[in-house]
Amino acid sequence: MGANTYRPMALAETWRSVVEERSSPRLIIGDFLDDWRRLEDAESRAALVHDVIEDSDETDIHRWSAFVAALVEYLTVRDGLSTPDWVFEERWILPEPWFLNPYWKLRAWLLVATPPPWKRRRIFGGDETMMIGRV
C-alpha cells in the first residue's frame, strides 16, 4: 500500500467528530457520499455503514444523526444491500417535523417529494436531488 492510497473511513468513526462538535455534519455527509461513490463492491459499502453512529442530546446534532440514518437506509435499499438494523431504531424518529427549507410556501411540496426514509423520521427536504445531490 503506497503513501497516497486512500482508505475510506467507516461512517460511525467519522460521525463521532460531528457529535464532538469538531466537524460540520454537511462536511462529513459529503465525505461519506464521496466514499460511497468510490466503492463499487457491496462488501466495502456495507462495511462503511455497519456500525451504529453516535447520537447527541443537542437538537441540531440529533436531527443530523437522524438524517444520516435515513441516508444509510436510502442508499442501501437503492443499491440492493442489506440495511443495518441500527437505522430502524426509534430514536431516529424526530419528535417534531424538521423542514430543511424553512420557506413555508414550499412545505406542501416538501411533504410530498421527500423520499420515505426521511419522511418516516419526520425530516422533509424535497426529492433525492434536494436531499443528497446526485449520488
N, C-alpha and C. Protein backbone atom coordinates (compact mmCIF):
# COMPACT_ATOMS: atom_id res chain seq x y z
N MET A 1 0.85 -1.17 0.00
CA MET A 1 0.00 0.00 0.00
C MET A 1 0.89 1.24 0.00
N GLY A 2 0.73 2.09 -1.00
CA GLY A 2 1.55 3.28 -1.12
C GLY A 2 1.12 4.38 -0.17
N ALA A 3 1.95 5.40 -0.08
CA ALA A 3 1.67 6.52 0.82
C ALA A 3 0.43 7.30 0.38
N ASN A 4 0.09 7.26 -0.90
CA ASN A 4 -1.05 8.02 -1.41
C ASN A 4 -2.32 7.19 -1.52
N THR A 5 -2.33 6.01 -0.94
CA THR A 5 -3.51 5.16 -1.01
C THR A 5 -4.59 5.68 -0.06
N TYR A 6 -5.76 5.89 -0.62
CA TYR A 6 -6.88 6.42 0.16
C TYR A 6 -7.63 5.27 0.81
N ARG A 7 -7.95 5.42 2.08
CA ARG A 7 -8.72 4.41 2.81
C ARG A 7 -9.98 5.06 3.34
N PRO A 8 -11.14 4.66 2.78
CA PRO A 8 -12.40 5.20 3.31
C PRO A 8 -12.57 4.84 4.78
N MET A 9 -13.16 5.75 5.54
CA MET A 9 -13.39 5.51 6.95
C MET A 9 -14.86 5.17 7.18
N ALA A 10 -15.10 4.31 8.13
CA ALA A 10 -16.47 3.93 8.49
C ALA A 10 -17.24 5.17 8.94
N LEU A 11 -18.50 5.22 8.59
CA LEU A 11 -19.34 6.36 8.94
C LEU A 11 -19.38 6.58 10.45
N ALA A 12 -19.48 5.51 11.22
CA ALA A 12 -19.52 5.65 12.68
C ALA A 12 -18.27 6.35 13.21
N GLU A 13 -17.16 6.08 12.58
CA GLU A 13 -15.89 6.68 13.01
C GLU A 13 -15.85 8.17 12.68
N THR A 14 -16.26 8.53 11.48
CA THR A 14 -16.21 9.94 11.10
C THR A 14 -17.32 10.76 11.74
N TRP A 15 -18.49 10.13 11.97
CA TRP A 15 -19.61 10.85 12.58
C TRP A 15 -19.30 11.29 14.01
N ARG A 16 -18.41 10.57 14.66
CA ARG A 16 -18.02 10.94 16.03
C ARG A 16 -17.54 12.39 16.09
N SER A 17 -16.86 12.86 15.05
CA SER A 17 -16.35 14.23 15.06
C SER A 17 -17.49 15.25 15.01
N VAL A 18 -18.63 14.87 14.45
CA VAL A 18 -19.80 15.75 14.45
C VAL A 18 -20.39 15.81 15.85
N VAL A 19 -20.55 14.66 16.48
CA VAL A 19 -21.11 14.60 17.84
C VAL A 19 -20.22 15.36 18.83
N GLU A 20 -18.93 15.29 18.60
CA GLU A 20 -17.99 16.01 19.47
C GLU A 20 -17.84 17.47 19.04
N GLU A 21 -18.63 17.89 18.06
CA GLU A 21 -18.67 19.26 17.55
C GLU A 21 -17.32 19.75 17.03
N ARG A 22 -16.59 18.84 16.38
CA ARG A 22 -15.33 19.20 15.74
C ARG A 22 -15.47 19.34 14.24
N SER A 23 -16.55 18.81 13.68
CA SER A 23 -16.77 18.84 12.23
C SER A 23 -18.22 19.19 11.92
N SER A 24 -18.42 19.73 10.74
CA SER A 24 -19.76 20.05 10.26
C SER A 24 -20.46 18.79 9.77
N PRO A 25 -21.74 18.62 10.11
CA PRO A 25 -22.48 17.46 9.60
C PRO A 25 -22.45 17.39 8.08
N ARG A 26 -22.59 18.52 7.43
CA ARG A 26 -22.62 18.54 5.96
C ARG A 26 -21.28 18.08 5.38
N LEU A 27 -20.19 18.45 6.01
CA LEU A 27 -18.87 18.03 5.53
C LEU A 27 -18.72 16.51 5.65
N ILE A 28 -19.10 15.96 6.78
CA ILE A 28 -18.96 14.51 7.00
C ILE A 28 -19.90 13.74 6.08
N ILE A 29 -21.12 14.24 5.89
CA ILE A 29 -22.05 13.59 4.96
C ILE A 29 -21.48 13.62 3.54
N GLY A 30 -20.92 14.75 3.14
CA GLY A 30 -20.31 14.84 1.82
C GLY A 30 -19.16 13.87 1.64
N ASP A 31 -18.30 13.78 2.66
CA ASP A 31 -17.19 12.83 2.60
C ASP A 31 -17.70 11.39 2.51
N PHE A 32 -18.73 11.08 3.30
CA PHE A 32 -19.32 9.74 3.26
C PHE A 32 -19.88 9.43 1.87
N LEU A 33 -20.60 10.37 1.29
CA LEU A 33 -21.16 10.15 -0.05
C LEU A 33 -20.06 9.96 -1.09
N ASP A 34 -18.97 10.70 -0.95
CA ASP A 34 -17.82 10.50 -1.86
C ASP A 34 -17.27 9.09 -1.72
N ASP A 35 -17.12 8.63 -0.48
CA ASP A 35 -16.63 7.26 -0.25
C ASP A 35 -17.59 6.24 -0.85
N TRP A 36 -18.88 6.46 -0.65
CA TRP A 36 -19.90 5.53 -1.17
C TRP A 36 -19.78 5.42 -2.70
N ARG A 37 -19.59 6.57 -3.35
CA ARG A 37 -19.45 6.58 -4.82
C ARG A 37 -18.19 5.84 -5.28
N ARG A 38 -17.11 6.03 -4.55
CA ARG A 38 -15.83 5.43 -4.95
C ARG A 38 -15.83 3.91 -4.81
N LEU A 39 -16.50 3.44 -3.79
CA LEU A 39 -16.50 1.99 -3.54
C LEU A 39 -17.55 1.33 -4.43
N GLU A 40 -17.13 0.35 -5.16
CA GLU A 40 -18.07 -0.28 -6.08
C GLU A 40 -18.57 -1.62 -5.58
N ASP A 41 -17.85 -2.25 -4.66
CA ASP A 41 -18.29 -3.57 -4.22
C ASP A 41 -19.17 -3.46 -2.97
N ALA A 42 -20.14 -4.36 -2.91
CA ALA A 42 -21.14 -4.35 -1.83
C ALA A 42 -20.51 -4.54 -0.46
N GLU A 43 -19.50 -5.38 -0.36
CA GLU A 43 -18.87 -5.65 0.93
C GLU A 43 -18.22 -4.39 1.51
N SER A 44 -17.53 -3.63 0.68
CA SER A 44 -16.88 -2.39 1.14
C SER A 44 -17.91 -1.35 1.55
N ARG A 45 -18.98 -1.24 0.77
CA ARG A 45 -20.03 -0.29 1.13
C ARG A 45 -20.71 -0.69 2.43
N ALA A 46 -21.00 -1.96 2.58
CA ALA A 46 -21.63 -2.45 3.82
C ALA A 46 -20.75 -2.16 5.02
N ALA A 47 -19.44 -2.28 4.86
CA ALA A 47 -18.51 -2.01 5.96
C ALA A 47 -18.56 -0.54 6.38
N LEU A 48 -18.82 0.35 5.44
CA LEU A 48 -18.90 1.78 5.77
C LEU A 48 -20.02 2.08 6.75
N VAL A 49 -21.12 1.33 6.66
CA VAL A 49 -22.33 1.67 7.43
C VAL A 49 -22.72 0.62 8.47
N HIS A 50 -21.88 -0.37 8.67
CA HIS A 50 -22.22 -1.48 9.56
C HIS A 50 -22.48 -1.03 11.00
N ASP A 51 -21.60 -0.21 11.54
CA ASP A 51 -21.68 0.17 12.95
C ASP A 51 -22.59 1.38 13.16
N VAL A 52 -23.31 1.36 14.27
CA VAL A 52 -24.22 2.44 14.62
C VAL A 52 -23.44 3.74 14.84
N ILE A 53 -24.03 4.84 14.39
CA ILE A 53 -23.42 6.15 14.63
C ILE A 53 -23.79 6.63 16.02
N GLU A 54 -22.98 7.52 16.55
CA GLU A 54 -23.28 8.12 17.85
C GLU A 54 -24.39 9.15 17.68
N ASP A 55 -25.04 9.45 18.79
CA ASP A 55 -26.11 10.43 18.80
C ASP A 55 -25.77 11.49 19.84
N SER A 56 -26.59 12.50 19.92
CA SER A 56 -26.36 13.60 20.86
C SER A 56 -27.69 14.09 21.41
N ASP A 57 -27.65 14.66 22.60
CA ASP A 57 -28.83 15.30 23.18
C ASP A 57 -29.04 16.70 22.58
N GLU A 58 -28.03 17.22 21.91
CA GLU A 58 -28.13 18.53 21.28
C GLU A 58 -29.04 18.41 20.06
N THR A 59 -30.08 19.22 20.00
CA THR A 59 -31.14 19.09 18.99
C THR A 59 -30.61 19.07 17.56
N ASP A 60 -29.76 20.01 17.22
CA ASP A 60 -29.28 20.10 15.84
C ASP A 60 -28.48 18.86 15.46
N ILE A 61 -27.62 18.40 16.32
CA ILE A 61 -26.82 17.20 16.02
C ILE A 61 -27.72 15.97 15.96
N HIS A 62 -28.69 15.88 16.85
CA HIS A 62 -29.62 14.75 16.82
C HIS A 62 -30.38 14.72 15.49
N ARG A 63 -30.82 15.89 15.02
CA ARG A 63 -31.51 15.95 13.74
C ARG A 63 -30.63 15.42 12.61
N TRP A 64 -29.38 15.86 12.59
CA TRP A 64 -28.47 15.42 11.54
C TRP A 64 -28.17 13.93 11.67
N SER A 65 -28.11 13.42 12.88
CA SER A 65 -27.90 11.98 13.06
C SER A 65 -29.07 11.19 12.49
N ALA A 66 -30.29 11.68 12.70
CA ALA A 66 -31.48 11.05 12.13
C ALA A 66 -31.44 11.13 10.60
N PHE A 67 -30.97 12.27 10.09
CA PHE A 67 -30.81 12.43 8.64
C PHE A 67 -29.88 11.36 8.09
N VAL A 68 -28.78 11.12 8.79
CA VAL A 68 -27.80 10.12 8.35
C VAL A 68 -28.40 8.72 8.39
N ALA A 69 -29.19 8.42 9.41
CA ALA A 69 -29.85 7.11 9.47
C ALA A 69 -30.73 6.92 8.24
N ALA A 70 -31.47 7.97 7.86
CA ALA A 70 -32.32 7.91 6.66
C ALA A 70 -31.46 7.75 5.41
N LEU A 71 -30.36 8.46 5.35
CA LEU A 71 -29.46 8.38 4.21
C LEU A 71 -28.92 6.97 4.02
N VAL A 72 -28.51 6.34 5.11
CA VAL A 72 -28.00 4.98 5.04
C VAL A 72 -29.09 4.03 4.57
N GLU A 73 -30.31 4.19 5.09
CA GLU A 73 -31.41 3.36 4.62
C GLU A 73 -31.63 3.57 3.12
N TYR A 74 -31.69 4.81 2.70
CA TYR A 74 -31.94 5.14 1.30
C TYR A 74 -30.89 4.50 0.39
N LEU A 75 -29.61 4.69 0.72
CA LEU A 75 -28.54 4.18 -0.14
C LEU A 75 -28.50 2.66 -0.20
N THR A 76 -28.66 2.03 0.97
CA THR A 76 -28.58 0.56 0.97
C THR A 76 -29.75 -0.06 0.21
N VAL A 77 -30.94 0.48 0.37
CA VAL A 77 -32.09 -0.04 -0.36
C VAL A 77 -31.91 0.21 -1.85
N ARG A 78 -31.53 1.41 -2.20
CA ARG A 78 -31.35 1.76 -3.61
C ARG A 78 -30.32 0.86 -4.30
N ASP A 79 -29.26 0.54 -3.56
CA ASP A 79 -28.16 -0.23 -4.16
C ASP A 79 -28.25 -1.73 -3.88
N GLY A 80 -29.38 -2.16 -3.32
CA GLY A 80 -29.61 -3.59 -3.13
C GLY A 80 -28.77 -4.24 -2.06
N LEU A 81 -28.40 -3.48 -1.05
CA LEU A 81 -27.61 -4.01 0.06
C LEU A 81 -28.50 -4.23 1.27
N SER A 82 -28.04 -5.03 2.18
CA SER A 82 -28.75 -5.24 3.44
C SER A 82 -28.63 -3.97 4.29
N THR A 83 -29.75 -3.47 4.76
CA THR A 83 -29.75 -2.26 5.57
C THR A 83 -29.43 -2.63 7.02
N PRO A 84 -28.46 -1.95 7.64
CA PRO A 84 -28.13 -2.28 9.02
C PRO A 84 -29.30 -1.99 9.96
N ASP A 85 -29.48 -2.84 10.96
CA ASP A 85 -30.61 -2.72 11.89
C ASP A 85 -30.64 -1.38 12.63
N TRP A 86 -29.48 -0.81 12.90
CA TRP A 86 -29.43 0.40 13.72
C TRP A 86 -30.22 1.56 13.10
N VAL A 87 -30.38 1.60 11.78
CA VAL A 87 -31.08 2.73 11.17
C VAL A 87 -32.57 2.73 11.48
N PHE A 88 -33.10 1.60 11.95
CA PHE A 88 -34.53 1.49 12.23
C PHE A 88 -34.87 1.74 13.70
N GLU A 89 -33.89 2.12 14.50
CA GLU A 89 -34.14 2.39 15.92
C GLU A 89 -35.07 3.60 16.06
N GLU A 90 -35.94 3.52 17.05
CA GLU A 90 -36.94 4.58 17.30
C GLU A 90 -36.30 5.95 17.55
N ARG A 91 -35.12 5.97 18.11
CA ARG A 91 -34.51 7.26 18.44
C ARG A 91 -34.27 8.13 17.22
N TRP A 92 -34.24 7.54 16.03
CA TRP A 92 -34.00 8.31 14.82
C TRP A 92 -35.27 8.96 14.29
N ILE A 93 -36.40 8.73 14.94
CA ILE A 93 -37.65 9.40 14.56
C ILE A 93 -37.75 10.69 15.38
N LEU A 94 -37.72 11.81 14.71
CA LEU A 94 -37.72 13.10 15.40
C LEU A 94 -39.07 13.37 16.06
N PRO A 95 -39.06 13.99 17.25
CA PRO A 95 -40.32 14.28 17.93
C PRO A 95 -41.14 15.34 17.19
N GLU A 96 -40.48 16.24 16.48
CA GLU A 96 -41.15 17.31 15.72
C GLU A 96 -40.63 17.28 14.29
N PRO A 97 -41.48 17.62 13.32
CA PRO A 97 -41.00 17.68 11.93
C PRO A 97 -39.86 18.68 11.77
N TRP A 98 -38.94 18.33 10.88
CA TRP A 98 -37.81 19.21 10.57
C TRP A 98 -37.85 19.49 9.07
N PHE A 99 -38.09 20.73 8.72
CA PHE A 99 -38.12 21.15 7.32
C PHE A 99 -36.77 21.77 7.00
N LEU A 100 -36.04 21.15 6.07
CA LEU A 100 -34.70 21.63 5.74
C LEU A 100 -34.73 22.98 5.04
N ASN A 101 -35.82 23.28 4.38
CA ASN A 101 -36.02 24.59 3.79
C ASN A 101 -37.14 25.25 4.59
N PRO A 102 -36.83 26.32 5.30
CA PRO A 102 -37.84 26.92 6.18
C PRO A 102 -38.91 27.75 5.47
N TYR A 103 -38.76 27.95 4.16
CA TYR A 103 -39.73 28.75 3.42
C TYR A 103 -41.08 28.04 3.43
N TRP A 104 -42.06 28.59 4.13
CA TRP A 104 -43.32 27.91 4.39
C TRP A 104 -44.12 27.59 3.13
N LYS A 105 -43.95 28.36 2.06
CA LYS A 105 -44.71 28.10 0.83
C LYS A 105 -44.27 26.81 0.14
N LEU A 106 -43.11 26.27 0.51
CA LEU A 106 -42.62 25.01 -0.07
C LEU A 106 -43.04 23.78 0.72
N ARG A 107 -43.67 23.97 1.85
CA ARG A 107 -43.96 22.83 2.74
C ARG A 107 -44.78 21.74 2.09
N ALA A 108 -45.80 22.08 1.33
CA ALA A 108 -46.63 21.05 0.70
C ALA A 108 -45.77 20.21 -0.24
N TRP A 109 -44.92 20.87 -1.03
CA TRP A 109 -44.04 20.13 -1.95
C TRP A 109 -43.06 19.27 -1.16
N LEU A 110 -42.47 19.81 -0.09
CA LEU A 110 -41.53 19.04 0.72
C LEU A 110 -42.19 17.79 1.30
N LEU A 111 -43.43 17.93 1.76
CA LEU A 111 -44.15 16.80 2.33
C LEU A 111 -44.40 15.70 1.30
N VAL A 112 -44.65 16.08 0.07
CA VAL A 112 -44.94 15.11 -0.98
C VAL A 112 -43.66 14.51 -1.58
N ALA A 113 -42.67 15.34 -1.84
CA ALA A 113 -41.49 14.93 -2.61
C ALA A 113 -40.42 14.19 -1.81
N THR A 114 -40.40 14.37 -0.51
CA THR A 114 -39.34 13.76 0.30
C THR A 114 -39.44 12.24 0.25
N PRO A 115 -38.32 11.56 0.02
CA PRO A 115 -38.31 10.08 -0.03
C PRO A 115 -38.71 9.46 1.32
N PRO A 116 -39.30 8.27 1.29
CA PRO A 116 -39.79 7.61 2.51
C PRO A 116 -38.79 7.48 3.67
N PRO A 117 -37.52 7.18 3.44
CA PRO A 117 -36.64 7.05 4.62
C PRO A 117 -36.58 8.32 5.47
N TRP A 118 -36.67 9.47 4.84
CA TRP A 118 -36.66 10.72 5.60
C TRP A 118 -38.04 11.03 6.16
N LYS A 119 -39.07 10.78 5.38
CA LYS A 119 -40.44 11.03 5.88
C LYS A 119 -40.70 10.27 7.17
N ARG A 120 -40.27 9.00 7.21
CA ARG A 120 -40.50 8.19 8.41
C ARG A 120 -39.84 8.79 9.65
N ARG A 121 -38.83 9.58 9.43
CA ARG A 121 -38.10 10.19 10.55
C ARG A 121 -38.51 11.65 10.76
N ARG A 122 -39.55 12.07 10.04
CA ARG A 122 -40.11 13.42 10.14
C ARG A 122 -39.11 14.49 9.67
N ILE A 123 -38.35 14.15 8.64
CA ILE A 123 -37.40 15.08 8.03
C ILE A 123 -37.90 15.34 6.61
N PHE A 124 -38.06 16.61 6.25
CA PHE A 124 -38.63 16.96 4.95
C PHE A 124 -37.70 17.93 4.23
N GLY A 125 -37.23 17.50 3.07
CA GLY A 125 -36.28 18.34 2.34
C GLY A 125 -36.44 18.31 0.84
N GLY A 126 -37.41 17.57 0.34
CA GLY A 126 -37.61 17.51 -1.10
C GLY A 126 -37.15 16.19 -1.69
N ASP A 127 -37.03 16.16 -3.01
CA ASP A 127 -36.68 14.92 -3.70
C ASP A 127 -35.22 14.52 -3.46
N GLU A 128 -34.82 13.41 -4.06
CA GLU A 128 -33.48 12.88 -3.85
C GLU A 128 -32.38 13.90 -4.15
N THR A 129 -32.55 14.64 -5.23
CA THR A 129 -31.53 15.62 -5.60
C THR A 129 -31.42 16.72 -4.55
N MET A 130 -32.54 17.13 -4.00
CA MET A 130 -32.52 18.16 -2.96
C MET A 130 -31.92 17.63 -1.66
N MET A 131 -32.17 16.36 -1.37
CA MET A 131 -31.71 15.78 -0.10
C MET A 131 -30.21 15.47 -0.12
N ILE A 132 -29.74 14.86 -1.21
CA ILE A 132 -28.35 14.40 -1.20
C ILE A 132 -27.58 14.70 -2.48
N GLY A 133 -28.17 15.40 -3.39
CA GLY A 133 -27.49 15.67 -4.65
C GLY A 133 -27.56 14.46 -5.56
N ARG A 134 -26.75 14.45 -6.53
CA ARG A 134 -26.73 13.34 -7.49
C ARG A 134 -25.69 12.32 -7.03
N VAL A 135 -26.19 11.22 -6.49
CA VAL A 135 -25.29 10.16 -5.99
C VAL A 135 -25.28 9.02 -6.97
